[in-house]
Amino acid sequence: MNSKLTQIIAIANQKGGVGKTTTVINLATAMAACDKRTLIIDADPQGNASTGFGIKYDQRDKDLYSVICRKNNINVSIKNTMIPKLDIIPTSPDLSVLEQELVNEHNREFKIRDLIEEINNIYDYIFIDCPPSLGLLTLNALCAAKSLIVPLQTEFYALEGLTQLLKTLEAIKNNFNTKIKLQGILLTMYDKRNKICEMVSNDVKIHFDDKVFKTIIPRNVRVSEAPSYGQPVLMYDISCPGSQAYASLAGEIINQEKDLK
């Protein structure tokens, strides 16, 4: 596979609780189900993506932190998941000290990019799960990625942080990574019974038009339950509305790539 064809997608929102990690886990699972060789890089020190695949803390010694610090080779840090064609580089709370450790290091913004260059010819898709902040780890992810997906909860304050994130994206494009683009805004936790959800959804579509994914992720109990079983919702209950939505999103992204060719 030509490495230029690897789609590297950061999934970020500095606001927590918007379905960011849930989107990483289930979108990556859906891509693997579509026969796409897929890797998740868990760049959030909370490590929820790693937990979401049942990776225990004592299995994370060869984590992203150890690779960035060159204590381990990236190839030994890649773990298979229970999903065929889906791998993950896990993380641990050690990653939370990285920003302080790299404060005086040259090219500290490109640590994740440099790691990906060693392995990105293996994968069709690489998804980077960012922490809920605009610190060094998110900067690293955006410097490495070709595109950004922003999960946006359909609630009253949803748009407040989005403006700052998009300004950050523009600054990174101007100063560090000219190739990055906004792939799309993903509306999450949508409840059709709630008028606020409908109002926010319409507002986002007015402001961002074709940058809003057609797929909307519904608020769904099965999606919330799945992580406690160490499984993506597509494995936990493939027929539930949440699973169907993430499968639809994967198809939408694959079709976007086809349209660009």
C-alpha atoms as a PDB file:
ATOM      1  CA  MET A   1       0.000   0.000   0.000  1.00  0.00           C
ATOM      2  CA  ASN A   2       1.252   3.484  -0.812  1.00  0.00           C
ATOM      3  CA  SER A   3       1.637   5.435   2.451  1.00  0.00           C
ATOM      4  CA  LYS A   4       0.091   8.473   0.786  1.00  0.00           C
ATOM      5  CA  LEU A   5      -3.227   6.631   0.823  1.00  0.00           C
ATOM      6  CA  THR A   6      -3.259   6.245   4.609  1.00  0.00           C
ATOM      7  CA  GLN A   7      -5.957   8.500   6.039  1.00  0.00           C
ATOM      8  CA  ILE A   8      -4.794   9.934   9.365  1.00  0.00           C
ATOM      9  CA  ILE A   9      -7.750  11.438  11.226  1.00  0.00           C
ATOM     10  CA  ALA A  10      -7.623  13.254  14.555  1.00  0.00           C
ATOM     11  CA  ILE A  11     -10.823  13.237  16.582  1.00  0.00           C
ATOM     12  CA  ALA A  12     -10.860  16.180  18.940  1.00  0.00           C
ATOM     13  CA  ASN A  13     -12.958  18.580  20.968  1.00  0.00           C
ATOM     14  CA  GLN A  14     -11.548  20.424  23.971  1.00  0.00           C
ATOM     15  CA  LYS A  15     -14.926  20.009  25.658  1.00  0.00           C
ATOM     16  CA  GLY A  16     -15.248  16.680  27.464  1.00  0.00           C
ATOM     17  CA  GLY A  17     -18.269  14.402  27.451  1.00  0.00           C
ATOM     18  CA  VAL A  18     -19.165  14.886  23.778  1.00  0.00           C
ATOM     19  CA  GLY A  19     -18.686  11.284  22.636  1.00  0.00           C
ATOM     20  CA  LYS A  20     -15.124  11.740  21.363  1.00  0.00           C
ATOM     21  CA  THR A  21     -13.632   8.438  22.521  1.00  0.00           C
ATOM     22  CA  THR A  22     -16.886   6.590  21.819  1.00  0.00           C
ATOM     23  CA  THR A  23     -16.624   7.871  18.243  1.00  0.00           C
ATOM     24  CA  VAL A  24     -12.992   6.770  17.918  1.00  0.00           C
ATOM     25  CA  ILE A  25     -13.727   3.252  19.170  1.00  0.00           C
ATOM     26  CA  ASN A  26     -16.844   2.644  17.123  1.00  0.00           C
ATOM     27  CA  LEU A  27     -15.841   4.437  13.931  1.00  0.00           C
ATOM     28  CA  ALA A  28     -12.567   2.488  13.881  1.00  0.00           C
ATOM     29  CA  THR A  29     -14.487  -0.749  14.484  1.00  0.00           C
ATOM     30  CA  ALA A  30     -16.858   0.071  11.627  1.00  0.00           C
ATOM     31  CA  MET A  31     -13.905   0.797   9.319  1.00  0.00           C
ATOM     32  CA  ALA A  32     -12.341  -2.550  10.187  1.00  0.00           C
ATOM     33  CA  ALA A  33     -15.680  -4.210   9.469  1.00  0.00           C
ATOM     34  CA  CYS A  34     -15.526  -2.541   6.043  1.00  0.00           C
ATOM     35  CA  ASP A  35     -12.250  -4.424   5.444  1.00  0.00           C
ATOM     36  CA  LYS A  36     -10.070  -1.387   6.154  1.00  0.00           C
ATOM     37  CA  ARG A  37      -6.852  -2.034   8.074  1.00  0.00           C
ATOM     38  CA  THR A  38      -7.219   0.396  10.978  1.00  0.00           C
ATOM     39  CA  LEU A  39      -5.135   1.686  13.894  1.00  0.00           C
ATOM     40  CA  ILE A  40      -6.204   3.723  16.923  1.00  0.00           C
ATOM     41  CA  ILE A  41      -3.593   5.871  18.668  1.00  0.00           C
ATOM     42  CA  ASP A  42      -4.851   6.556  22.179  1.00  0.00           C
ATOM     43  CA  ALA A  43      -3.373  10.021  22.858  1.00  0.00           C
ATOM     44  CA  ASP A  44      -5.677  10.843  25.777  1.00  0.00           C
ATOM     45  CA  PRO A  45      -3.963  10.246  29.168  1.00  0.00           C
ATOM     46  CA  GLN A  46      -7.320   9.073  30.560  1.00  0.00           C
ATOM     47  CA  GLY A  47      -6.854   6.003  28.355  1.00  0.00           C
ATOM     48  CA  ASN A  48     -10.557   5.430  27.768  1.00  0.00           C
ATOM     49  CA  ALA A  49     -10.057   4.099  24.244  1.00  0.00           C
ATOM     50  CA  SER A  50      -7.652   1.493  25.637  1.00  0.00           C
ATOM     51  CA  THR A  51     -10.137   0.583  28.364  1.00  0.00           C
ATOM     52  CA  GLY A  52     -12.897   0.409  25.751  1.00  0.00           C
ATOM     53  CA  PHE A  53     -11.110  -2.567  24.187  1.00  0.00           C
ATOM     54  CA  GLY A  54     -10.569  -4.303  27.515  1.00  0.00           C
ATOM     55  CA  ILE A  55      -6.829  -3.517  27.765  1.00  0.00           C
ATOM     56  CA  LYS A  56      -5.924  -3.616  31.453  1.00  0.00           C
ATOM     57  CA  TYR A  57      -3.444  -1.147  32.981  1.00  0.00           C
ATOM     58  CA  ASP A  58      -0.831  -3.853  33.572  1.00  0.00           C
ATOM     59  CA  GLN A  59      -0.887  -4.532  29.816  1.00  0.00           C
ATOM     60  CA  ARG A  60       0.054  -0.948  28.929  1.00  0.00           C
ATOM     61  CA  ASP A  61       3.769  -0.841  29.745  1.00  0.00           C
ATOM     62  CA  LYS A  62       4.539  -0.476  26.031  1.00  0.00           C
ATOM     63  CA  ASP A  63       2.236   2.520  25.662  1.00  0.00           C
ATOM     64  CA  LEU A  64       2.297   5.725  23.610  1.00  0.00           C
ATOM     65  CA  TYR A  65       4.313   7.545  26.291  1.00  0.00           C
ATOM     66  CA  SER A  66       7.083   4.939  26.237  1.00  0.00           C
ATOM     67  CA  VAL A  67       7.242   5.127  22.434  1.00  0.00           C
ATOM     68  CA  ILE A  68       7.402   8.934  22.301  1.00  0.00           C
ATOM     69  CA  CYS A  69      10.191   8.828  24.901  1.00  0.00           C
ATOM     70  CA  ARG A  70      11.919   6.163  22.784  1.00  0.00           C
ATOM     71  CA  LYS A  71      11.899   3.605  25.576  1.00  0.00           C
ATOM     72  CA  ASN A  72      10.066   1.225  23.247  1.00  0.00           C
ATOM     73  CA  ASN A  73       9.822   0.773  19.490  1.00  0.00           C
ATOM     74  CA  ILE A  74       6.439   1.676  17.995  1.00  0.00           C
ATOM     75  CA  ASN A  75       6.021  -1.792  16.492  1.00  0.00           C
ATOM     76  CA  VAL A  76       6.085  -3.481  19.906  1.00  0.00           C
ATOM     77  CA  SER A  77       3.510  -1.022  21.257  1.00  0.00           C
ATOM     78  CA  ILE A  78       0.836  -1.967  18.700  1.00  0.00           C
ATOM     79  CA  LYS A  79      -1.730  -4.335  20.184  1.00  0.00           C
ATOM     80  CA  ASN A  80      -4.300  -6.397  18.339  1.00  0.00           C
ATOM     81  CA  THR A  81      -7.903  -5.932  19.460  1.00  0.00           C
ATOM     82  CA  MET A  82     -10.693  -8.517  19.401  1.00  0.00           C
ATOM     83  CA  ILE A  83     -11.762  -6.922  16.096  1.00  0.00           C
ATOM     84  CA  PRO A  84     -10.004  -8.334  13.009  1.00  0.00           C
ATOM     85  CA  LYS A  85      -7.958  -5.674  11.166  1.00  0.00           C
ATOM     86  CA  LEU A  86      -8.159  -3.242  14.113  1.00  0.00           C
ATOM     87  CA  ASP A  87      -5.066  -2.466  16.216  1.00  0.00           C
ATOM     88  CA  ILE A  88      -4.427   0.052  18.989  1.00  0.00           C
ATOM     89  CA  ILE A  89      -1.475   1.819  20.584  1.00  0.00           C
ATOM     90  CA  PRO A  90      -2.689   2.063  24.176  1.00  0.00           C
ATOM     91  CA  THR A  91      -1.927   4.759  26.707  1.00  0.00           C
ATOM     92  CA  SER A  92      -1.568   5.126  30.457  1.00  0.00           C
ATOM     93  CA  PRO A  93      -1.647   8.043  32.916  1.00  0.00           C
ATOM     94  CA  ASP A  94       2.132   8.390  32.344  1.00  0.00           C
ATOM     95  CA  LEU A  95       1.241  10.354  29.211  1.00  0.00           C
ATOM     96  CA  SER A  96      -0.035  13.230  31.353  1.00  0.00           C
ATOM     97  CA  VAL A  97       3.535  14.299  32.237  1.00  0.00           C
ATOM     98  CA  LEU A  98       4.706  14.419  28.627  1.00  0.00           C
ATOM     99  CA  GLU A  99       4.031  18.121  28.142  1.00  0.00           C
ATOM    100  CA  GLN A 100       6.366  19.040  30.999  1.00  0.00           C
ATOM    101  CA  GLU A 101       9.051  16.610  29.879  1.00  0.00           C
ATOM    102  CA  LEU A 102       9.127  17.942  26.313  1.00  0.00           C
ATOM    103  CA  VAL A 103       8.945  21.640  27.173  1.00  0.00           C
ATOM    104  CA  ASN A 104      12.486  22.382  25.944  1.00  0.00           C
ATOM    105  CA  GLU A 105      12.716  19.707  23.257  1.00  0.00           C
ATOM    106  CA  HIS A 106      13.213  20.630  19.600  1.00  0.00           C
ATOM    107  CA  ASN A 107      10.291  19.788  17.270  1.00  0.00           C
ATOM    108  CA  ARG A 108       8.142  18.642  20.182  1.00  0.00           C
ATOM    109  CA  GLU A 109       5.017  19.304  18.080  1.00  0.00           C
ATOM    110  CA  PHE A 110       5.922  16.485  15.673  1.00  0.00           C
ATOM    111  CA  LYS A 111       6.501  13.510  17.966  1.00  0.00           C
ATOM    112  CA  ILE A 112       3.334  11.658  16.911  1.00  0.00           C
ATOM    113  CA  ARG A 113       3.831  12.569  13.239  1.00  0.00           C
ATOM    114  CA  ASP A 114       7.352  11.108  13.308  1.00  0.00           C
ATOM    115  CA  LEU A 115       6.080   7.889  14.893  1.00  0.00           C
ATOM    116  CA  ILE A 116       3.325   7.484  12.308  1.00  0.00           C
ATOM    117  CA  GLU A 117       5.843   7.847   9.489  1.00  0.00           C
ATOM    118  CA  GLU A 118       7.417   4.604  10.711  1.00  0.00           C
ATOM    119  CA  ILE A 119       4.211   2.566  10.342  1.00  0.00           C
ATOM    120  CA  ASN A 120       1.561   4.385   8.307  1.00  0.00           C
ATOM    121  CA  ASN A 121       2.128   2.348   5.152  1.00  0.00           C
ATOM    122  CA  ILE A 122       0.551  -0.598   6.996  1.00  0.00           C
ATOM    123  CA  TYR A 123      -2.876   0.968   7.539  1.00  0.00           C
ATOM    124  CA  ASP A 124      -5.782   2.357   5.533  1.00  0.00           C
ATOM    125  CA  TYR A 125      -6.977   4.504   8.465  1.00  0.00           C
ATOM    126  CA  ILE A 126      -5.265   5.823  11.580  1.00  0.00           C
ATOM    127  CA  PHE A 127      -7.514   7.493  14.173  1.00  0.00           C
ATOM    128  CA  ILE A 128      -5.953   9.620  16.935  1.00  0.00           C
ATOM    129  CA  ASP A 129      -8.032  10.033  20.092  1.00  0.00           C
ATOM    130  CA  CYS A 130      -7.117  13.456  21.513  1.00  0.00           C
ATOM    131  CA  PRO A 131      -7.440  14.635  25.118  1.00  0.00           C
ATOM    132  CA  PRO A 132     -10.213  17.139  25.928  1.00  0.00           C
ATOM    133  CA  SER A 133      -7.859  20.140  25.788  1.00  0.00           C
ATOM    134  CA  LEU A 134      -5.818  22.133  23.280  1.00  0.00           C
ATOM    135  CA  GLY A 135      -2.432  21.266  24.821  1.00  0.00           C
ATOM    136  CA  LEU A 136       0.680  19.646  23.376  1.00  0.00           C
ATOM    137  CA  LEU A 137      -0.886  16.227  22.781  1.00  0.00           C
ATOM    138  CA  THR A 138      -3.738  17.648  20.704  1.00  0.00           C
ATOM    139  CA  LEU A 139      -1.232  19.857  18.868  1.00  0.00           C
ATOM    140  CA  ASN A 140       0.819  16.741  18.102  1.00  0.00           C
ATOM    141  CA  ALA A 141      -2.254  14.948  16.782  1.00  0.00           C
ATOM    142  CA  LEU A 142      -3.221  17.858  14.526  1.00  0.00           C
ATOM    143  CA  CYS A 143       0.339  18.168  13.223  1.00  0.00           C
ATOM    144  CA  ALA A 144       0.268  14.477  12.297  1.00  0.00           C
ATOM    145  CA  ALA A 145      -3.259  14.240  10.866  1.00  0.00           C
ATOM    146  CA  LYS A 146      -4.561  14.849   7.379  1.00  0.00           C
ATOM    147  CA  SER A 147      -8.000  15.758   8.701  1.00  0.00           C
ATOM    148  CA  LEU A 148     -10.009  16.515  11.826  1.00  0.00           C
ATOM    149  CA  ILE A 149     -13.389  15.207  12.948  1.00  0.00           C
ATOM    150  CA  VAL A 150     -15.094  17.225  15.694  1.00  0.00           C
ATOM    151  CA  PRO A 151     -17.772  15.395  17.714  1.00  0.00           C
ATOM    152  CA  LEU A 152     -20.307  17.971  18.876  1.00  0.00           C
ATOM    153  CA  GLN A 153     -22.931  17.201  21.490  1.00  0.00           C
ATOM    154  CA  THR A 154     -26.322  18.627  20.548  1.00  0.00           C
ATOM    155  CA  GLU A 155     -26.716  20.790  23.640  1.00  0.00           C
ATOM    156  CA  PHE A 156     -27.068  24.512  24.347  1.00  0.00           C
ATOM    157  CA  TYR A 157     -23.358  25.368  24.855  1.00  0.00           C
ATOM    158  CA  ALA A 158     -22.083  23.165  22.039  1.00  0.00           C
ATOM    159  CA  LEU A 159     -20.859  25.941  19.746  1.00  0.00           C
ATOM    160  CA  GLU A 160     -18.933  27.863  22.401  1.00  0.00           C
ATOM    161  CA  GLY A 161     -15.737  25.807  22.276  1.00  0.00           C
ATOM    162  CA  LEU A 162     -16.000  24.992  18.596  1.00  0.00           C
ATOM    163  CA  THR A 163     -14.915  28.455  17.478  1.00  0.00           C
ATOM    164  CA  GLN A 164     -11.673  28.227  19.468  1.00  0.00           C
ATOM    165  CA  LEU A 165     -10.941  24.742  18.143  1.00  0.00           C
ATOM    166  CA  LEU A 166     -11.383  25.885  14.545  1.00  0.00           C
ATOM    167  CA  LYS A 167      -9.126  28.889  15.167  1.00  0.00           C
ATOM    168  CA  THR A 168      -6.507  26.487  16.513  1.00  0.00           C
ATOM    169  CA  LEU A 169      -6.927  24.298  13.428  1.00  0.00           C
ATOM    170  CA  GLU A 170      -6.361  27.315  11.172  1.00  0.00           C
ATOM    171  CA  ALA A 171      -3.248  28.336  13.117  1.00  0.00           C
ATOM    172  CA  ILE A 172      -1.836  24.811  12.840  1.00  0.00           C
ATOM    173  CA  LYS A 173      -2.557  24.807   9.106  1.00  0.00           C
ATOM    174  CA  ASN A 174      -0.704  28.106   8.706  1.00  0.00           C
ATOM    175  CA  ASN A 175       2.279  27.248  10.899  1.00  0.00           C
ATOM    176  CA  PHE A 176       2.787  23.475  11.157  1.00  0.00           C
ATOM    177  CA  ASN A 177       0.675  21.306   8.859  1.00  0.00           C
ATOM    178  CA  THR A 178      -0.534  22.829   5.595  1.00  0.00           C
ATOM    179  CA  LYS A 179      -2.328  19.627   4.548  1.00  0.00           C
ATOM    180  CA  ILE A 180      -4.775  19.316   7.426  1.00  0.00           C
ATOM    181  CA  LYS A 181      -8.455  20.021   6.779  1.00  0.00           C
ATOM    182  CA  LEU A 182     -11.729  19.848   8.650  1.00  0.00           C
ATOM    183  CA  GLN A 183     -13.215  16.518   7.581  1.00  0.00           C
ATOM    184  CA  GLY A 184     -16.476  17.176   9.339  1.00  0.00           C
ATOM    185  CA  ILE A 185     -18.492  18.034  12.420  1.00  0.00           C
ATOM    186  CA  LEU A 186     -20.284  15.034  13.904  1.00  0.00           C
ATOM    187  CA  LEU A 187     -23.471  15.678  15.853  1.00  0.00           C
ATOM    188  CA  THR A 188     -23.629  13.315  18.841  1.00  0.00           C
ATOM    189  CA  MET A 189     -25.994  12.357  21.679  1.00  0.00           C
ATOM    190  CA  TYR A 190     -28.986  13.468  19.669  1.00  0.00           C
ATOM    191  CA  ASP A 191     -32.392  12.956  21.261  1.00  0.00           C
ATOM    192  CA  LYS A 192     -35.225  13.605  18.829  1.00  0.00           C
ATOM    193  CA  ARG A 193     -37.621  14.160  21.763  1.00  0.00           C
ATOM    194  CA  ASN A 194     -35.562  17.131  22.939  1.00  0.00           C
ATOM    195  CA  LYS A 195     -36.262  20.438  21.191  1.00  0.00           C
ATOM    196  CA  ILE A 196     -32.834  21.814  22.168  1.00  0.00           C
ATOM    197  CA  CYS A 197     -31.169  18.987  20.216  1.00  0.00           C
ATOM    198  CA  GLU A 198     -33.138  19.910  17.124  1.00  0.00           C
ATOM    199  CA  MET A 199     -32.388  23.636  17.544  1.00  0.00           C
ATOM    200  CA  VAL A 200     -28.649  23.075  18.006  1.00  0.00           C
ATOM    201  CA  SER A 201     -28.539  20.653  15.083  1.00  0.00           C
ATOM    202  CA  ASN A 202     -30.219  23.174  12.782  1.00  0.00           C
ATOM    203  CA  ASP A 203     -27.959  25.972  14.030  1.00  0.00           C
ATOM    204  CA  VAL A 204     -24.775  23.976  13.359  1.00  0.00           C
ATOM    205  CA  LYS A 205     -25.980  23.060   9.871  1.00  0.00           C
ATOM    206  CA  ILE A 206     -26.720  26.720   9.086  1.00  0.00           C
ATOM    207  CA  HIS A 207     -23.258  27.801  10.236  1.00  0.00           C
ATOM    208  CA  PHE A 208     -21.195  24.958   8.758  1.00  0.00           C
ATOM    209  CA  ASP A 209     -23.329  23.627   5.906  1.00  0.00           C
ATOM    210  CA  ASP A 210     -21.589  20.749   4.086  1.00  0.00           C
ATOM    211  CA  LYS A 211     -18.988  20.369   6.847  1.00  0.00           C
ATOM    212  CA  VAL A 212     -21.626  18.677   9.026  1.00  0.00           C
ATOM    213  CA  PHE A 213     -21.853  14.915   8.549  1.00  0.00           C
ATOM    214  CA  LYS A 214     -25.230  13.672   7.358  1.00  0.00           C
ATOM    215  CA  THR A 215     -24.972  10.884   9.931  1.00  0.00           C
ATOM    216  CA  ILE A 216     -26.125  11.892  13.412  1.00  0.00           C
ATOM    217  CA  ILE A 217     -25.218   9.766  16.450  1.00  0.00           C
ATOM    218  CA  PRO A 218     -28.285   9.256  18.673  1.00  0.00           C
ATOM    219  CA  ARG A 219     -28.311   9.142  22.449  1.00  0.00           C
ATOM    220  CA  ASN A 220     -28.433   5.390  23.009  1.00  0.00           C
ATOM    221  CA  VAL A 221     -28.231   3.296  26.190  1.00  0.00           C
ATOM    222  CA  ARG A 222     -26.401   0.455  24.438  1.00  0.00           C
ATOM    223  CA  VAL A 223     -23.616   2.840  23.382  1.00  0.00           C
ATOM    224  CA  SER A 224     -23.189   3.853  27.039  1.00  0.00           C
ATOM    225  CA  GLU A 225     -23.192   0.250  28.266  1.00  0.00           C
ATOM    226  CA  ALA A 226     -20.668  -1.198  25.808  1.00  0.00           C
ATOM    227  CA  PRO A 227     -17.420   0.232  27.357  1.00  0.00           C
ATOM    228  CA  SER A 228     -18.142  -1.427  30.712  1.00  0.00           C
ATOM    229  CA  TYR A 229     -17.891  -4.752  28.859  1.00  0.00           C
ATOM    230  CA  GLY A 230     -14.635  -3.730  27.132  1.00  0.00           C
ATOM    231  CA  GLN A 231     -16.320  -3.828  23.740  1.00  0.00           C
ATOM    232  CA  PRO A 232     -17.285  -1.434  20.952  1.00  0.00           C
ATOM    233  CA  VAL A 233     -21.053  -1.070  20.656  1.00  0.00           C
ATOM    234  CA  LEU A 234     -20.914  -2.666  17.193  1.00  0.00           C
ATOM    235  CA  MET A 235     -19.735  -5.854  18.903  1.00  0.00           C
ATOM    236  CA  TYR A 236     -21.938  -5.477  21.982  1.00  0.00           C
ATOM    237  CA  ASP A 237     -25.183  -4.919  20.052  1.00  0.00           C
ATOM    238  CA  ILE A 238     -24.799  -4.538  16.301  1.00  0.00           C
ATOM    239  CA  SER A 239     -28.497  -3.920  15.713  1.00  0.00           C
ATOM    240  CA  CYS A 240     -28.949  -0.969  18.089  1.00  0.00           C
ATOM    241  CA  PRO A 241     -29.383   2.580  16.694  1.00  0.00           C
ATOM    242  CA  GLY A 242     -25.902   3.641  17.893  1.00  0.00           C
ATOM    243  CA  SER A 243     -24.210   0.791  16.010  1.00  0.00           C
ATOM    244  CA  GLN A 244     -26.179   1.526  12.869  1.00  0.00           C
ATOM    245  CA  ALA A 245     -25.199   5.210  13.084  1.00  0.00           C
ATOM    246  CA  TYR A 246     -21.467   4.485  13.365  1.00  0.00           C
ATOM    247  CA  ALA A 247     -21.674   2.039  10.460  1.00  0.00           C
ATOM    248  CA  SER A 248     -23.366   4.795   8.452  1.00  0.00           C
ATOM    249  CA  LEU A 249     -20.640   7.274   9.425  1.00  0.00           C
ATOM    250  CA  ALA A 250     -17.917   4.901   8.241  1.00  0.00           C
ATOM    251  CA  GLY A 251     -19.674   4.593   4.884  1.00  0.00           C
ATOM    252  CA  GLU A 252     -19.991   8.365   4.639  1.00  0.00           C
ATOM    253  CA  ILE A 253     -16.260   8.878   5.250  1.00  0.00           C
ATOM    254  CA  ILE A 254     -15.269   6.169   2.774  1.00  0.00           C
ATOM    255  CA  ASN A 255     -17.492   7.813   0.163  1.00  0.00           C
ATOM    256  CA  GLN A 256     -15.883  11.205   0.900  1.00  0.00           C
ATOM    257  CA  GLU A 257     -12.481   9.712   0.079  1.00  0.00           C
ATOM    258  CA  LYS A 258     -13.832   8.207  -3.155  1.00  0.00           C
ATOM    259  CA  ASP A 259     -15.223  11.585  -4.197  1.00  0.00           C
ATOM    260  CA  LEU A 260     -11.792  13.176  -3.767  1.00  0.00           C
ATOM    261  CA  LYS A 261     -10.097  10.695  -6.095  1.00  0.00           C
END
